[in-house]
Protein backbone atom coordinates (compact mmCIF):
# COMPACT_ATOMS: atom_id res chain seq x y z
CA MET A 1 25.41 -43.82 20.97
CA THR A 2 24.12 -40.97 18.53
CA GLU A 3 20.88 -39.49 19.18
CA ILE A 4 19.15 -39.91 15.82
CA LEU A 5 17.20 -36.38 15.08
CA PHE A 6 16.25 -37.09 11.48
CA ARG A 7 14.06 -39.98 12.41
CA ASP A 8 11.55 -37.64 13.66
CA ASP A 9 12.03 -34.65 11.65
CA ALA A 10 13.47 -35.13 8.15
CA TYR A 11 13.19 -31.23 7.60
CA ARG A 12 15.64 -30.43 10.11
CA ARG A 13 18.47 -28.95 8.69
CA GLU A 14 21.11 -28.62 11.54
CA ALA A 15 21.65 -29.18 15.19
CA GLU A 16 24.37 -28.37 17.77
CA ALA A 17 26.03 -31.38 18.86
CA THR A 18 29.24 -32.55 20.93
CA VAL A 19 31.96 -34.37 19.32
CA LEU A 20 32.27 -38.06 20.92
CA SER A 21 35.30 -39.17 18.73
CA ALA A 22 37.17 -38.28 15.70
CA ASP A 23 39.45 -39.72 13.30
CA PRO A 24 39.96 -40.24 9.44
CA ARG A 25 36.96 -42.98 9.46
CA GLY A 26 34.54 -40.43 10.85
CA VAL A 27 33.42 -37.88 13.36
CA ALA A 28 30.99 -39.36 15.98
CA LEU A 29 28.75 -37.03 17.54
CA ASP A 30 26.15 -37.29 20.44
CA ARG A 31 23.42 -36.21 18.17
CA THR A 32 23.04 -35.65 14.56
CA VAL A 33 20.56 -34.69 11.72
CA PHE A 34 22.58 -36.53 9.16
CA TYR A 35 21.15 -39.86 7.56
CA PRO A 36 23.93 -42.65 7.29
CA ARG A 37 23.55 -44.66 4.11
CA GLY A 38 21.31 -47.63 4.33
CA GLY A 39 18.33 -49.16 2.90
CA GLY A 40 19.01 -47.86 -0.48
CA GLN A 41 19.47 -44.38 0.46
CA PRO A 42 22.83 -42.80 0.38
CA GLY A 43 24.40 -40.85 3.09
CA ASP A 44 23.98 -37.26 3.75
CA GLN A 45 26.76 -34.79 2.97
CA GLY A 46 27.20 -31.28 4.55
CA GLU A 47 29.67 -29.87 7.22
CA LEU A 48 30.20 -29.70 11.00
CA ILE A 49 30.80 -25.92 11.76
CA VAL A 50 33.47 -25.56 14.54
CA GLU A 51 33.93 -22.30 16.20
CA GLY A 52 37.31 -20.53 15.44
CA ALA A 53 38.10 -23.18 12.75
CA ALA A 54 37.31 -23.84 9.00
CA PRO A 55 34.10 -26.08 8.53
CA VAL A 56 34.77 -29.74 8.27
CA VAL A 57 33.30 -30.96 5.03
CA ILE A 58 31.42 -34.03 5.24
CA VAL A 59 31.35 -36.39 2.04
CA ASP A 60 29.57 -39.33 3.42
CA THR A 61 27.62 -40.56 6.71
CA THR A 62 27.53 -44.31 7.51
CA TYR A 63 26.98 -46.49 10.79
CA ASP A 64 29.88 -47.57 12.72
CA ALA A 65 30.07 -51.39 13.27
CA ASP A 66 27.89 -51.10 16.47
CA ARG A 67 25.04 -49.82 14.40
CA LYS A 68 24.49 -47.51 17.34
CA THR A 69 26.99 -44.68 16.53
CA ILE A 70 26.98 -42.62 13.39
CA LEU A 71 30.17 -41.66 11.63
CA HIS A 72 30.26 -38.47 9.64
CA VAL A 73 33.07 -39.21 6.99
CA PRO A 74 35.38 -36.23 6.61
CA ALA A 75 36.87 -35.00 3.18
CA ASP A 76 40.58 -36.13 3.01
CA GLY A 77 42.89 -33.78 4.63
CA ALA A 78 40.29 -32.14 6.62
CA ALA A 79 41.22 -30.90 10.28
CA LEU A 80 39.33 -32.73 12.80
CA PRO A 81 37.44 -31.62 15.80
CA ALA A 82 38.56 -32.81 19.22
CA PRO A 83 36.53 -35.00 21.25
CA GLY A 84 34.33 -32.81 23.48
CA ALA A 85 34.12 -29.88 20.97
CA ARG A 86 30.87 -28.24 20.28
CA VAL A 87 29.96 -28.22 16.64
CA VAL A 88 26.88 -27.50 14.39
CA ALA A 89 25.97 -30.12 12.12
CA ARG A 90 24.45 -28.90 8.92
CA ILE A 91 23.40 -31.02 6.20
CA ASP A 92 23.37 -30.19 2.54
CA TRP A 93 19.79 -29.48 2.63
CA GLU A 94 19.24 -29.18 -1.40
CA ARG A 95 20.66 -32.63 -1.79
CA ARG A 96 18.68 -34.27 1.13
CA TYR A 97 15.32 -32.92 -0.10
CA LYS A 98 15.92 -34.28 -3.36
CA ARG A 99 16.48 -37.78 -1.65
CA MET A 100 13.38 -37.29 0.36
CA ARG A 101 11.06 -36.79 -2.77
CA ALA A 102 12.48 -39.65 -4.70
CA HIS A 103 12.31 -41.89 -1.55
CA THR A 104 8.70 -41.01 -1.33
CA ALA A 105 8.25 -41.48 -4.97
CA LEU A 106 9.58 -45.00 -4.85
CA HIS A 107 7.05 -45.86 -2.04
CA LEU A 108 4.48 -44.85 -4.45
CA LEU A 109 5.94 -46.65 -7.45
CA SER A 110 5.50 -50.00 -5.35
CA VAL A 111 1.82 -48.82 -4.94
CA ALA A 112 1.53 -48.51 -8.71
CA LEU A 113 3.22 -51.82 -9.49
CA PRO A 114 1.98 -54.22 -6.57
CA TYR A 115 4.39 -56.70 -6.98
CA PRO A 116 7.40 -57.89 -4.49
CA VAL A 117 10.34 -55.54 -4.69
CA THR A 118 13.79 -57.26 -5.15
CA GLY A 119 15.95 -54.26 -4.92
CA GLY A 120 16.02 -50.49 -5.48
CA SER A 121 18.16 -47.33 -4.84
CA VAL A 122 17.29 -43.59 -3.97
CA GLY A 123 19.31 -40.91 -5.86
CA ASP A 124 19.00 -37.23 -6.11
CA ALA A 125 15.62 -36.64 -7.39
CA GLU A 126 15.74 -40.21 -9.31
CA GLY A 127 15.80 -43.65 -8.27
CA ARG A 128 14.75 -47.22 -9.15
CA LEU A 129 12.95 -50.49 -7.85
CA ASP A 130 13.54 -53.78 -9.08
CA PHE A 131 10.20 -55.78 -9.15
CA ASP A 132 9.54 -59.54 -9.21
CA CYS A 133 7.14 -59.41 -12.09
CA GLU A 134 7.08 -61.68 -15.28
CA ALA A 135 4.40 -59.47 -17.14
CA PRO A 136 5.54 -56.82 -19.39
CA LEU A 137 5.03 -53.17 -18.19
CA ASP A 138 4.26 -50.12 -20.28
CA LYS A 139 6.34 -47.21 -19.46
CA ALA A 140 3.43 -44.61 -20.18
CA GLU A 141 0.98 -46.28 -18.00
CA VAL A 142 3.30 -46.86 -15.13
CA GLU A 143 4.15 -43.11 -15.41
CA ARG A 144 0.50 -42.12 -15.50
CA LYS A 145 -0.45 -44.34 -12.52
CA LEU A 146 2.37 -42.92 -10.46
CA ASN A 147 1.66 -39.41 -11.16
CA GLU A 148 -1.96 -39.81 -10.57
CA LEU A 149 -0.82 -41.07 -6.69
CA VAL A 150 1.48 -38.05 -6.42
CA ALA A 151 -1.20 -35.38 -7.36
CA LEU A 152 -3.22 -36.97 -4.47
CA ASP A 153 -1.04 -34.88 -2.15
CA ALA A 154 -1.63 -37.53 0.58
CA PRO A 155 -0.05 -36.95 4.00
CA VAL A 156 2.88 -39.07 4.76
CA ALA A 157 3.27 -39.87 8.62
CA LEU A 158 5.60 -42.04 10.73
CA ARG A 159 4.50 -44.41 13.51
CA TRP A 160 6.29 -47.29 15.39
CA ILE A 161 5.26 -50.72 15.96
CA ALA A 162 6.89 -53.29 18.04
CA ASP A 163 9.03 -56.29 16.60
CA GLU A 164 6.66 -58.70 17.38
CA GLU A 165 3.76 -56.81 15.77
CA LEU A 166 5.92 -56.85 12.58
CA ASP A 167 6.27 -60.46 12.94
CA ALA A 168 2.80 -60.94 13.05
CA SER A 169 2.17 -58.74 9.89
CA PRO A 170 4.71 -59.86 7.29
CA ALA A 171 2.76 -58.58 4.47
CA LEU A 172 3.92 -54.94 5.64
CA VAL A 173 7.42 -56.00 4.36
CA LYS A 174 7.59 -55.06 0.47
CA THR A 175 11.32 -55.40 0.04
CA MET A 176 12.66 -58.85 -0.41
CA SER A 177 16.29 -57.73 -0.38
CA VAL A 178 16.28 -55.10 2.45
CA LYS A 179 15.36 -56.09 5.79
CA PRO A 180 13.41 -53.63 7.96
CA PRO A 181 15.74 -51.66 10.45
CA ARG A 182 15.57 -53.41 13.70
CA GLY A 183 17.28 -53.55 17.04
CA SER A 184 15.83 -51.30 19.16
CA GLY A 185 12.68 -53.54 20.03
CA ARG A 186 10.83 -51.34 17.38
CA VAL A 187 10.22 -50.70 13.84
CA ARG A 188 9.41 -47.45 12.21
CA LEU A 189 6.48 -47.60 9.58
CA VAL A 190 6.08 -44.72 6.86
CA ALA A 191 2.36 -44.47 6.20
CA ILE A 192 1.06 -42.71 2.98
CA GLU A 193 -2.62 -41.96 4.12
CA GLY A 194 -4.95 -44.09 2.07
CA LEU A 195 -2.28 -45.60 0.07
CA ASP A 196 0.66 -47.46 1.58
CA LEU A 197 2.14 -48.57 4.81
CA GLN A 198 5.49 -50.13 5.11
CA PRO A 199 8.68 -50.39 7.53
CA CYS A 200 11.24 -47.79 6.33
CA GLY A 201 14.26 -45.92 8.03
CA GLY A 202 14.68 -43.44 5.47
CA THR A 203 13.93 -39.84 5.12
CA HIS A 204 10.59 -38.51 3.37
CA VAL A 205 8.27 -35.62 2.40
CA ALA A 206 5.44 -35.00 4.34
CA ARG A 207 2.80 -34.88 1.64
CA THR A 208 3.06 -36.69 -1.89
CA GLY A 209 2.60 -33.47 -3.63
CA GLU A 210 6.16 -32.28 -2.51
CA ILE A 211 7.30 -34.96 -5.08
CA GLY A 212 6.55 -32.94 -8.16
CA ARG A 213 6.13 -34.58 -11.77
CA ALA A 214 7.79 -38.10 -12.13
CA SER A 215 8.99 -39.50 -15.34
CA VAL A 216 9.44 -43.22 -15.93
CA ILE A 217 12.68 -43.09 -18.05
CA GLN A 218 13.30 -46.69 -18.51
CA ILE A 219 11.84 -50.06 -17.79
CA GLU A 220 14.42 -53.01 -18.00
CA LYS A 221 13.86 -56.84 -18.22
CA LYS A 222 16.79 -57.85 -15.89
CA GLY A 223 15.62 -61.72 -16.20
CA ARG A 224 12.41 -63.64 -16.76
CA LEU A 225 11.12 -62.47 -13.35
CA ASN A 226 12.89 -59.21 -13.05
CA ARG A 227 11.69 -55.72 -14.03
CA ARG A 228 13.90 -52.55 -13.05
CA VAL A 229 11.84 -49.47 -13.18
CA ARG A 230 13.76 -45.93 -13.23
CA ILE A 231 12.27 -42.70 -12.42
CA VAL A 232 13.48 -38.98 -12.48
CA LEU A 233 11.68 -36.29 -11.05
CA SER A 234 11.10 -32.76 -12.14
CA PRO A 235 12.53 -29.83 -10.20
CA SER A 236 10.89 -28.73 -7.07
């Protein structure tokens, strides 16, 4: 089982760890700051620093089949550290931070457009959400609402509730296609003060002001009841 450090501190860039196992599928560590892909957010990239050896370049991060162990996927041909070796796991911070900004921006987009969310993806300072919405959407108006929310510079906090509490409050779940991360008996909520509260296992900025200017670059009609909204963020 991997101790997950990014859940409580998304700003942590590196951590010392011990190698549990290593093969071409991935390197398992006892603890990590690397986010494994899921919930529409890609897996982190970065490197494992091994004393006396070349860094192991990590091109992706995933969960193993048990959903308890995180695998750091090495670049093709990388020399793998031996089980028991001590390493420093270091993420590509610039890429991670772009995704943190984008993920929080998408939560705000779901506030600006209060419709059921049927899909979405987080990119590097960009992303999209699909809404179950029959009405036409005005790109300029959506962009205005979204940036007004960003400008509030509202704090973003984390809290945990028991599975049973979530079951009793199904309205907290906005995403119809992505189920809240479960399995430990509790679910993590991301709270944007005064604006939004929903289950999410992803990484987020500490205040909405960190998102920066958001541009709505496209609104697509994907079906009678589906609208896809794409956003891009200005450089931080």
